């Protein structure tokens, strides 16, 4: 393993970050990560930015603060910022239905009222839109569906608006589409003209922009092999590329430390509105009492006393993190071109531990699984349908007096429902299987997750199929609706 460091940034690095640099060296030395690039700002100045390792191993291109990385879900704060410029201009109302800004393809509801799925609720993941990620290899011969087609297939509410936090990529795909429809520009062009250029982010674009190809950090799988280029439906959720130098400037803008070359595309009031938690998430990443605003997770009531704004990203060949600590005027960026667990997040926390002695990295609590108990209401055979975008499939759930449960979809062999439990009226569990739709059959090796609410003698709710294939960009999640009635 050869370690490459950007000489231009090394000189800026305070000695206090040497412990973090050593952690990064060890991580690169084990071969799991080709490169790591970091940037740190405080009080309106970039105090550390440095690249380590190879942006492109095969071509021996070293990583630098100007290397362009795939951001995955750190795209969401940028998409939300683009949206907020149109809100500020009076062209979008956060509290109007998202369908007011869509065309023929509208968000529909299996439960709840789609008129209550407002722009704000779509942006804070409380609209009821489902878990979703759908990837397409450019060499695979299957084109990415249009935004309208993605909405028709998967834009269905699976919980009532405002009832439940459900992180949703399709939600941010729809927001990017709304920005395009309202502005009259492609989402890529709007980001370039109204966000990136005005904030001095010259190494940022939707996908890898023209002239940035030589600066791209190649995405690598868990075995160190370069991944083929892939896209996703709903690019506003995770298809933006940026450098650490650009992303730290974006973070500084959100801390209201506007650089001389930056145009104030948002007022302080608009920034505050984005940072205001409007949905409780319970996500341990930002600690107890957490919430989500517009594109940012909001950590409040933390044990260490800090209020935190953050977003992470992860998909095949990508691990990224952006953390803001407004009270200390700190922004931290960590970008990797491999996904070794959730590597960017702990590295960002190591940086903050150096800067803030009281800083504590929240630990995600493990939720114990309570076995499904024998319940007369549940025991028996339940029959109905799985509703997919290509029609319905017969569905059967069999629950035995012992609490053991089996699921059969279509003509598949019945599968054991693992970790089955009934909590707060929701039957949940996991089983092997799939939907037998075209989107599913592009890949293989699916685990199904069930979240079925008991409503009288009907169990109904979302079923999400997640690919379990290692070392591939095909690890996606697609959600459809199931309802079965007790026989």
Protein backbone atom coordinates (compact mmCIF):
# COMPACT_ATOMS: atom_id res chain seq x y z
CA UNK A 1 0.00 0.00 0.00
CA UNK A 2 1.38 3.38 -1.01
CA UNK A 3 0.16 6.44 0.86
CA UNK A 4 -0.11 9.65 -1.13
CA UNK A 5 -0.65 12.99 0.56
CA UNK A 6 -1.50 16.24 -1.13
CA UNK A 7 1.52 18.43 -0.44
CA UNK A 8 -0.40 21.66 -0.97
CA UNK A 9 -2.73 20.92 1.95
CA UNK A 10 -0.26 19.28 4.33
CA UNK A 11 1.34 22.60 5.19
CA UNK A 12 -2.00 23.97 6.42
CA UNK A 13 -2.56 21.10 8.86
CA UNK A 14 -2.25 21.93 12.56
CA UNK A 15 -0.24 19.40 14.53
CA UNK A 16 -3.26 18.70 16.73
CA UNK A 17 -4.73 16.55 13.92
CA UNK A 18 -1.75 14.21 13.80
CA UNK A 19 -3.67 11.55 15.77
CA UNK A 20 -6.42 11.59 13.16
CA UNK A 21 -3.87 11.43 10.37
CA UNK A 22 -2.40 8.32 11.98
CA UNK A 23 -5.84 6.67 12.11
CA UNK A 24 -6.24 7.41 8.41
CA UNK A 25 -2.80 5.97 7.60
CA UNK A 26 -3.65 2.75 9.40
CA UNK A 27 -6.96 2.51 7.57
CA UNK A 28 -5.30 2.95 4.18
CA UNK A 29 -2.58 0.47 5.08
CA UNK A 30 -5.08 -2.36 5.64
CA UNK A 31 -6.12 -2.08 1.99
CA UNK A 32 -9.85 -1.64 2.60
CA UNK A 33 -9.98 1.99 1.46
CA UNK A 34 -8.18 3.49 -1.57
CA UNK A 35 -8.44 7.11 -0.41
CA UNK A 36 -9.72 9.45 2.28
CA UNK A 37 -10.00 13.21 1.98
CA UNK A 38 -10.88 15.52 4.87
CA UNK A 39 -11.62 19.20 5.31
CA UNK A 40 -12.22 21.18 8.50
CA UNK A 41 -13.32 24.80 8.93
CA UNK A 42 -13.77 26.95 12.01
CA UNK A 43 -14.62 30.63 12.43
CA UNK A 44 -14.86 31.16 8.70
CA UNK A 45 -11.49 29.67 7.77
CA UNK A 46 -10.45 26.29 6.38
CA UNK A 47 -7.96 25.05 8.97
CA UNK A 48 -7.25 21.60 7.54
CA UNK A 49 -7.82 19.95 4.18
CA UNK A 50 -5.84 16.97 3.06
CA UNK A 51 -6.04 14.01 0.72
CA UNK A 52 -4.65 10.56 1.49
CA UNK A 53 -4.20 7.56 -0.79
CA UNK A 54 -5.30 7.00 -4.37
CA UNK A 55 -8.30 8.60 -6.04
CA UNK A 56 -7.59 6.17 -8.89
CA UNK A 57 -5.38 3.21 -7.98
CA UNK A 58 -4.99 1.94 -11.53
CA UNK A 59 -3.80 5.27 -12.93
CA UNK A 60 -1.92 6.21 -9.72
CA UNK A 61 -3.83 9.47 -9.27
CA UNK A 62 -3.43 10.75 -5.69
CA UNK A 63 -6.36 12.11 -3.70
CA UNK A 64 -6.34 15.84 -2.98
CA UNK A 65 -8.87 18.32 -1.53
CA UNK A 66 -9.90 19.01 -5.15
CA UNK A 67 -10.63 15.34 -5.94
CA UNK A 68 -14.25 14.89 -6.97
CA UNK A 69 -16.07 12.21 -4.93
CA UNK A 70 -19.49 10.66 -5.27
CA UNK A 71 -21.44 12.07 -2.28
CA UNK A 72 -24.27 9.51 -2.03
CA UNK A 73 -26.82 10.90 0.46
CA UNK A 74 -24.76 13.96 1.35
CA UNK A 75 -26.42 15.10 -1.89
CA UNK A 76 -29.60 15.67 0.13
CA UNK A 77 -28.55 18.91 1.91
CA UNK A 78 -27.54 20.27 -1.50
CA UNK A 79 -30.86 19.27 -3.08
CA UNK A 80 -32.69 20.85 -0.13
CA UNK A 81 -30.66 24.04 -0.58
CA UNK A 82 -31.68 24.19 -4.24
CA UNK A 83 -35.30 23.68 -3.21
CA UNK A 84 -35.06 26.42 -0.60
CA UNK A 85 -33.91 28.98 -3.16
CA UNK A 86 -37.24 28.48 -4.94
CA UNK A 87 -39.14 28.63 -1.65
CA UNK A 88 -37.41 31.90 -0.85
CA UNK A 89 -38.33 33.20 -4.32
CA UNK A 90 -42.00 32.43 -3.65
CA UNK A 91 -42.18 29.75 -6.34
CA UNK A 92 -42.68 26.80 -3.97
CA UNK A 93 -44.69 26.68 -0.75
CA UNK A 94 -43.30 24.17 1.75
CA UNK A 95 -46.75 23.52 3.19
CA UNK A 96 -48.58 22.82 -0.07
CA UNK A 97 -49.03 19.26 -1.37
CA UNK A 98 -46.09 17.91 -3.33
CA UNK A 99 -48.59 16.89 -6.01
CA UNK A 100 -49.24 20.58 -6.74
CA UNK A 101 -45.78 20.67 -8.33
CA UNK A 102 -45.91 17.38 -10.21
CA UNK A 103 -47.31 16.54 -13.63
CA UNK A 104 -49.44 13.59 -14.69
CA UNK A 105 -47.59 11.20 -12.39
CA UNK A 106 -48.79 11.97 -8.86
CA UNK A 107 -47.92 10.59 -5.46
CA UNK A 108 -50.70 8.18 -4.47
CA UNK A 109 -51.61 6.66 -1.13
CA UNK A 110 -52.18 3.15 0.16
CA UNK A 111 -52.93 4.78 3.47
CA UNK A 112 -53.54 8.40 4.46
CA UNK A 113 -54.33 11.38 2.25
CA UNK A 114 -51.82 12.38 -0.46
CA UNK A 115 -52.97 16.00 -0.11
CA UNK A 116 -51.26 15.96 3.30
CA UNK A 117 -47.96 14.88 1.76
CA UNK A 118 -46.59 18.41 1.68
CA UNK A 119 -43.27 19.56 0.27
CA UNK A 120 -42.00 19.98 3.84
CA UNK A 121 -43.03 16.45 4.80
CA UNK A 122 -41.38 15.03 1.71
CA UNK A 123 -38.21 16.92 2.67
CA UNK A 124 -38.23 15.83 6.34
CA UNK A 125 -39.01 12.18 5.50
CA UNK A 126 -42.44 12.17 7.13
CA UNK A 127 -44.64 12.18 4.01
CA UNK A 128 -45.17 8.42 4.10
CA UNK A 129 -43.05 7.73 1.00
CA UNK A 130 -41.21 4.40 1.34
CA UNK A 131 -37.68 3.13 1.71
CA UNK A 132 -36.20 3.08 -1.78
CA UNK A 133 -32.99 2.83 -3.79
CA UNK A 134 -32.72 1.65 -7.37
CA UNK A 135 -29.38 1.53 -9.22
CA UNK A 136 -28.58 1.06 -12.90
CA UNK A 137 -25.23 0.19 -14.45
CA UNK A 138 -24.47 2.18 -17.57
CA UNK A 139 -23.16 -0.95 -19.25
CA UNK A 140 -26.18 -3.00 -18.22
CA UNK A 141 -28.45 -2.05 -21.10
CA UNK A 142 -31.38 -1.04 -18.85
CA UNK A 143 -32.11 2.70 -19.00
CA UNK A 144 -32.89 4.67 -15.86
CA UNK A 145 -36.67 5.23 -15.72
CA UNK A 146 -37.97 8.77 -16.05
CA UNK A 147 -38.96 10.62 -12.88
CA UNK A 148 -42.61 10.20 -13.83
CA UNK A 149 -42.19 6.45 -14.27
CA UNK A 150 -40.39 6.09 -10.93
CA UNK A 151 -43.24 7.95 -9.23
CA UNK A 152 -45.80 5.67 -10.92
CA UNK A 153 -43.94 2.56 -9.76
CA UNK A 154 -42.90 3.53 -6.25
CA UNK A 155 -44.36 6.94 -5.33
CA UNK A 156 -47.00 5.52 -2.99
CA UNK A 157 -47.55 6.51 0.64
CA UNK A 158 -47.14 3.52 2.95
CA UNK A 159 -47.79 5.43 6.18
CA UNK A 160 -50.05 8.40 6.77
CA UNK A 161 -48.33 11.78 6.24
CA UNK A 162 -46.85 13.21 9.42
CA UNK A 163 -47.25 9.95 11.32
CA UNK A 164 -43.85 8.34 11.02
CA UNK A 165 -40.26 9.13 10.04
CA UNK A 166 -39.17 6.95 7.13
CA UNK A 167 -35.91 7.83 5.44
CA UNK A 168 -36.73 7.86 1.74
CA UNK A 169 -34.52 8.29 -1.30
CA UNK A 170 -37.53 8.53 -3.59
CA UNK A 171 -38.61 11.58 -1.59
CA UNK A 172 -35.44 13.46 -2.52
CA UNK A 173 -35.63 12.18 -6.08
CA UNK A 174 -39.06 13.79 -6.26
CA UNK A 175 -37.76 17.05 -4.74
CA UNK A 176 -35.05 17.26 -7.40
CA UNK A 177 -37.72 16.69 -10.03
CA UNK A 178 -39.88 19.45 -8.52
CA UNK A 179 -36.94 21.87 -8.64
CA UNK A 180 -36.56 21.07 -12.34
CA UNK A 181 -40.26 21.41 -13.14
CA UNK A 182 -40.70 24.70 -11.27
CA UNK A 183 -37.48 26.30 -12.54
CA UNK A 184 -37.84 25.15 -16.13
CA UNK A 185 -34.25 23.88 -16.11
CA UNK A 186 -32.84 20.40 -15.78
CA UNK A 187 -31.95 19.66 -12.17
CA UNK A 188 -28.29 19.42 -13.19
CA UNK A 189 -28.35 22.87 -14.80
CA UNK A 190 -30.21 24.42 -11.88
CA UNK A 191 -27.64 23.10 -9.42
CA UNK A 192 -24.80 24.42 -11.57
CA UNK A 193 -26.29 27.87 -12.17
CA UNK A 194 -28.07 28.58 -8.88
CA UNK A 195 -26.05 26.70 -6.27
CA UNK A 196 -22.57 25.59 -7.32
CA UNK A 197 -21.41 28.61 -9.31
CA UNK A 198 -22.93 31.07 -6.85
CA UNK A 199 -21.26 29.37 -3.89
CA UNK A 200 -17.90 29.06 -5.62
CA UNK A 201 -18.17 25.27 -5.83
CA UNK A 202 -16.29 24.80 -9.09
CA UNK A 203 -15.58 21.11 -8.51
CA UNK A 204 -19.21 20.06 -7.97
CA UNK A 205 -21.83 18.76 -10.37
CA UNK A 206 -24.64 16.31 -10.91
CA UNK A 207 -22.71 13.18 -11.84
CA UNK A 208 -19.13 13.90 -13.01
CA UNK A 209 -19.36 17.19 -14.85
CA UNK A 210 -17.48 18.16 -18.04
CA UNK A 211 -13.82 18.87 -17.33
CA UNK A 212 -13.88 17.05 -13.97
CA UNK A 213 -13.30 13.53 -15.31
CA UNK A 214 -9.58 13.51 -14.52
CA UNK A 215 -10.32 14.55 -10.92
CA UNK A 216 -12.85 11.80 -10.23
CA UNK A 217 -12.35 9.42 -7.31
CA UNK A 218 -13.09 5.97 -8.73
CA UNK A 219 -15.53 3.96 -6.61
CA UNK A 220 -14.18 0.63 -5.35
CA UNK A 221 -15.92 -2.45 -3.99
CA UNK A 222 -15.12 -4.25 -0.73
CA UNK A 223 -12.47 -6.38 -2.46
CA UNK A 224 -10.66 -3.36 -3.89
CA UNK A 225 -11.89 -3.74 -7.46
CA UNK A 226 -13.09 -0.64 -9.33
CA UNK A 227 -16.86 -0.54 -9.73
CA UNK A 228 -18.46 0.08 -13.12
CA UNK A 229 -20.16 3.44 -13.35
CA UNK A 230 -23.74 3.38 -12.16
CA UNK A 231 -26.67 5.77 -11.82
CA UNK A 232 -29.79 5.85 -9.68
CA UNK A 233 -33.36 6.87 -10.23
CA UNK A 234 -34.10 10.16 -8.48
CA UNK A 235 -30.60 11.69 -8.68
CA UNK A 236 -31.49 14.40 -6.14
CA UNK A 237 -31.18 11.72 -3.48
CA UNK A 238 -27.59 10.74 -4.09
CA UNK A 239 -25.96 11.42 -7.47
CA UNK A 240 -24.11 14.67 -6.78
CA UNK A 241 -20.31 14.76 -6.94
CA UNK A 242 -18.16 17.26 -5.06
CA UNK A 243 -14.70 17.81 -3.62
CA UNK A 244 -13.81 18.22 0.05
CA UNK A 245 -12.78 21.79 -0.71
CA UNK A 246 -16.17 22.57 -2.25
CA UNK A 247 -18.21 20.73 0.36
CA UNK A 248 -16.50 22.48 3.26
CA UNK A 249 -17.39 25.79 1.58
CA UNK A 250 -20.99 24.59 1.37
CA UNK A 251 -20.86 23.80 5.09
CA UNK A 252 -19.39 27.21 5.87
CA UNK A 253 -22.22 28.85 3.93
CA UNK A 254 -24.72 26.99 6.11
CA UNK A 255 -22.85 28.24 9.19
CA UNK A 256 -23.39 31.75 7.76
CA UNK A 257 -19.66 32.19 7.14
CA UNK A 258 -20.03 33.43 3.59
CA UNK A 259 -16.80 33.66 1.66
CA UNK A 260 -16.16 36.79 -0.46
CA UNK A 261 -16.76 34.90 -3.72
CA UNK A 262 -20.09 33.44 -2.55
CA UNK A 263 -23.45 34.90 -3.51
CA UNK A 264 -25.93 34.82 -0.60
CA UNK A 265 -28.39 32.49 -2.33
CA UNK A 266 -30.26 32.03 0.96
CA UNK A 267 -31.08 34.51 3.68
CA UNK A 268 -30.22 33.76 7.30
CA UNK A 269 -33.92 33.13 7.92
CA UNK A 270 -34.05 30.56 5.11
CA UNK A 271 -30.97 28.80 6.46
CA UNK A 272 -32.53 28.74 9.93
CA UNK A 273 -35.68 27.21 8.48
CA UNK A 274 -33.66 24.43 6.86
CA UNK A 275 -31.94 23.71 10.17
CA UNK A 276 -35.14 23.61 12.22
CA UNK A 277 -36.16 20.08 13.18
CA UNK A 278 -39.73 19.45 12.06
CA UNK A 279 -39.80 15.66 12.48
CA UNK A 280 -38.54 13.49 15.31
CA UNK A 281 -36.37 10.65 14.03
CA UNK A 282 -35.03 8.92 17.11
CA UNK A 283 -31.84 8.34 15.09
CA UNK A 284 -28.90 7.73 17.43
CA UNK A 285 -26.51 9.42 15.01
CA UNK A 286 -27.49 12.80 16.38
CA UNK A 287 -28.51 11.44 19.79
CA UNK A 288 -31.73 11.45 21.81
CA UNK A 289 -34.53 13.79 20.80
CA UNK A 290 -33.20 13.89 17.25
CA UNK A 291 -35.01 15.41 14.37
CA UNK A 292 -34.79 16.12 10.67
CA UNK A 293 -35.19 19.52 9.05
CA UNK A 294 -34.79 20.25 5.36
CA UNK A 295 -31.88 18.14 4.17
CA UNK A 296 -30.16 17.99 7.55
CA UNK A 297 -30.40 15.66 10.50
CA UNK A 298 -30.68 17.79 13.63
CA UNK A 299 -29.13 16.50 16.86
CA UNK A 300 -30.48 18.12 19.99
CA UNK A 301 -30.48 17.18 23.69
CA UNK A 302 -27.17 15.39 23.24
CA UNK A 303 -25.24 14.18 26.26
CA UNK A 304 -22.33 16.48 25.37
CA UNK A 305 -24.58 19.54 25.06
CA UNK A 306 -23.84 20.33 21.42
CA UNK A 307 -26.47 20.95 18.78
CA UNK A 308 -25.42 19.22 15.57
CA UNK A 309 -26.46 19.42 11.92
CA UNK A 310 -25.30 16.47 9.87
CA UNK A 311 -25.79 14.16 6.95
CA UNK A 312 -24.00 11.02 5.96
CA UNK A 313 -23.91 9.04 2.76
CA UNK A 314 -23.19 5.47 1.85
CA UNK A 315 -23.62 3.27 -1.20
CA UNK A 316 -21.39 0.98 -3.24
CA UNK A 317 -17.94 2.51 -3.29
CA UNK A 318 -18.93 5.56 -1.23
CA UNK A 319 -18.81 6.67 2.41
CA UNK A 320 -19.25 10.39 3.16
CA UNK A 321 -20.02 12.69 6.06
CA UNK A 322 -20.80 16.38 6.60
CA UNK A 323 -21.13 17.59 10.21
CA UNK A 324 -21.79 21.15 11.40
CA UNK A 325 -21.56 22.33 15.03
CA UNK A 326 -23.05 25.85 14.87
CA UNK A 327 -22.26 26.89 18.46
CA UNK A 328 -18.55 26.25 17.84
CA UNK A 329 -18.63 27.48 14.23
CA UNK A 330 -17.17 24.16 13.03
CA UNK A 331 -17.71 22.26 9.79
CA UNK A 332 -16.19 18.83 9.08
CA UNK A 333 -16.12 16.87 5.81
CA UNK A 334 -14.87 13.31 5.30
CA UNK A 335 -15.01 11.59 1.88
CA UNK A 336 -14.05 8.00 0.95
CA UNK A 337 -14.19 6.16 -2.37
CA UNK A 338 -15.05 2.81 -0.80
CA UNK A 339 -17.71 1.68 1.62
CA UNK A 340 -15.98 -0.11 4.49
CA UNK A 341 -18.86 -0.18 6.96
CA UNK A 342 -19.72 3.42 7.85
CA UNK A 343 -16.13 4.69 7.82
CA UNK A 344 -16.62 8.41 7.20
CA UNK A 345 -18.78 8.92 10.28
CA UNK A 346 -16.33 7.65 12.92
CA UNK A 347 -13.48 9.55 11.25
CA UNK A 348 -15.49 12.77 11.40
CA UNK A 349 -16.10 12.08 15.08
CA UNK A 350 -12.37 11.57 15.67
CA UNK A 351 -11.74 15.01 14.20
CA UNK A 352 -14.39 16.56 16.45
CA UNK A 353 -12.99 14.82 19.53
CA UNK A 354 -9.69 16.58 18.88
CA UNK A 355 -11.40 19.97 18.51
CA UNK A 356 -14.01 19.59 21.25
CA UNK A 357 -12.88 17.68 24.37
CA UNK A 358 -16.50 17.21 25.51
CA UNK A 359 -17.53 15.69 22.17
CA UNK A 360 -19.21 12.28 22.38
CA UNK A 361 -19.95 9.98 19.49
CA UNK A 362 -23.52 8.72 19.93
CA UNK A 363 -23.95 4.96 19.95
CA UNK A 364 -26.85 3.45 18.07
CA UNK A 365 -28.96 1.49 20.55
CA UNK A 366 -29.63 -2.15 19.73
CA UNK A 367 -33.32 -2.91 19.73
CA UNK A 368 -33.98 -6.37 21.20
CA UNK A 369 -36.20 -8.60 19.11
CA UNK A 370 -39.13 -10.01 21.05
CA UNK A 371 -40.27 -13.36 19.61
CA UNK A 372 -43.77 -13.46 18.20
CA UNK A 373 -46.04 -14.81 20.91
CA UNK A 374 -49.05 -16.97 20.31
CA UNK A 375 -51.92 -14.54 19.83
CA UNK A 376 -55.42 -15.73 18.90
CA UNK A 377 -55.81 -12.63 16.76
CA UNK A 378 -52.82 -13.62 14.64
CA UNK A 379 -52.84 -17.41 14.60
CA UNK A 380 -54.23 -18.77 11.34
CA UNK A 381 -53.99 -18.25 7.60
CA UNK A 382 -54.08 -14.80 6.04
CA UNK A 383 -54.63 -14.41 2.29
CA UNK A 384 -54.60 -11.46 -0.05
CA UNK A 385 -52.33 -9.71 -2.55
CA UNK A 386 -48.95 -8.16 -3.06
CA UNK A 387 -49.49 -5.08 -5.21
CA UNK A 388 -46.63 -4.31 -7.62
CA UNK A 389 -46.27 -1.86 -10.47
CA UNK A 390 -46.69 -4.83 -12.82
CA UNK A 391 -49.84 -6.17 -11.24
CA UNK A 392 -50.90 -8.12 -8.18
CA UNK A 393 -49.43 -11.37 -6.87
CA UNK A 394 -51.28 -13.70 -4.48
CA UNK A 395 -49.90 -13.55 -0.95
CA UNK A 396 -50.35 -15.86 2.03
CA UNK A 397 -49.10 -15.55 5.59
CA UNK A 398 -49.41 -18.55 7.91
CA UNK A 399 -48.97 -18.00 11.66
CA UNK A 400 -48.75 -21.09 13.87
CA UNK A 401 -49.77 -21.32 17.56
CA UNK A 402 -46.04 -21.59 18.39
CA UNK A 403 -45.49 -18.10 16.97
CA UNK A 404 -43.68 -19.42 13.90
CA UNK A 405 -44.74 -17.62 10.73
CA UNK A 406 -44.32 -18.35 7.00
CA UNK A 407 -44.86 -16.14 3.95
CA UNK A 408 -45.68 -17.17 0.39
CA UNK A 409 -45.69 -14.66 -2.48
CA UNK A 410 -47.01 -15.73 -5.86
CA UNK A 411 -45.95 -19.26 -6.73
CA UNK A 412 -42.81 -19.13 -4.63
CA UNK A 413 -42.03 -21.70 -1.94
CA UNK A 414 -43.24 -20.55 1.52
CA UNK A 415 -40.42 -18.86 3.44
CA UNK A 416 -39.88 -18.62 7.19
CA UNK A 417 -40.51 -15.14 8.60
CA UNK A 418 -37.39 -14.53 10.67
CA UNK A 419 -37.39 -12.26 13.74
CA UNK A 420 -41.18 -12.04 13.55
CA UNK A 421 -42.64 -9.80 16.22
CA UNK A 422 -45.80 -7.81 16.92
CA UNK A 423 -45.10 -4.40 18.39
CA UNK A 424 -47.56 -1.51 18.64
CA UNK A 425 -49.92 -3.32 16.30
CA UNK A 426 -47.31 -3.89 13.57
CA UNK A 427 -46.20 -7.36 12.50
CA UNK A 428 -42.60 -7.21 11.31
CA UNK A 429 -40.04 -9.73 10.17
CA UNK A 430 -37.69 -10.78 7.39
CA UNK A 431 -37.83 -13.55 4.81
CA UNK A 432 -36.01 -14.59 1.64
CA UNK A 433 -37.92 -13.89 -1.56
CA UNK A 434 -38.76 -11.29 -4.19
CA UNK A 435 -41.61 -9.60 -6.10
CA UNK A 436 -40.93 -11.10 -9.57
CA UNK A 437 -41.01 -7.68 -11.22
CA UNK A 438 -38.62 -6.52 -13.95
CA UNK A 439 -36.78 -4.22 -11.52
CA UNK A 440 -36.30 -7.11 -9.12
CA UNK A 441 -35.24 -9.62 -11.74
CA UNK A 442 -32.34 -7.43 -12.89
CA UNK A 443 -30.63 -8.57 -9.69
CA UNK A 444 -30.76 -11.54 -7.36
CA UNK A 445 -30.52 -12.57 -3.70
CA UNK A 446 -33.27 -10.60 -1.99
CA UNK A 447 -34.30 -10.29 1.65
CA UNK A 448 -37.86 -9.10 2.25
CA UNK A 449 -38.71 -6.85 5.20
CA UNK A 450 -42.34 -6.71 6.32
CA UNK A 451 -44.05 -3.92 8.30
CA UNK A 452 -47.72 -4.94 8.38
CA UNK A 453 -50.17 -3.09 10.57
CA UNK A 454 -53.09 -5.00 12.08
CA UNK A 455 -56.31 -3.23 11.10
CA UNK A 456 -59.24 -5.34 12.28
CA UNK A 457 -58.93 -8.65 10.43
CA UNK A 458 -56.54 -7.25 7.83
CA UNK A 459 -52.75 -7.06 7.90
CA UNK A 460 -51.43 -4.45 5.48
CA UNK A 461 -48.32 -2.42 4.90
CA UNK A 462 -45.05 -2.07 3.00
CA UNK A 463 -42.82 -4.95 1.96
CA UNK A 464 -39.28 -3.92 1.02
CA UNK A 465 -37.00 -6.14 -1.06
CA UNK A 466 -33.31 -5.47 -0.43
CA UNK A 467 -30.54 -7.05 -2.49
CA UNK A 468 -28.00 -8.95 -0.45
CA UNK A 469 -25.33 -9.39 -3.10
CA UNK A 470 -21.89 -8.31 -1.91
CA UNK A 471 -19.37 -6.31 -3.94
CA UNK A 472 -21.84 -4.76 -6.34
CA UNK A 473 -23.64 -1.50 -6.91
CA UNK A 474 -26.90 -3.47 -7.20
CA UNK A 475 -27.56 -3.33 -3.46
CA UNK A 476 -30.88 -1.54 -3.66
CA UNK A 477 -34.23 -1.55 -1.87
CA UNK A 478 -37.62 -1.54 -3.58
CA UNK A 479 -40.93 -1.26 -1.73
CA UNK A 480 -44.44 -2.42 -2.68
CA UNK A 481 -47.71 -2.92 -0.74
CA UNK A 482 -49.20 -6.07 0.73
CA UNK A 483 -52.61 -6.67 2.26
CA UNK A 484 -53.94 -9.98 3.55
CA UNK A 485 -57.19 -10.86 5.31
CA UNK A 486 -57.61 -13.51 7.97
CA UNK A 487 -59.44 -16.55 6.61
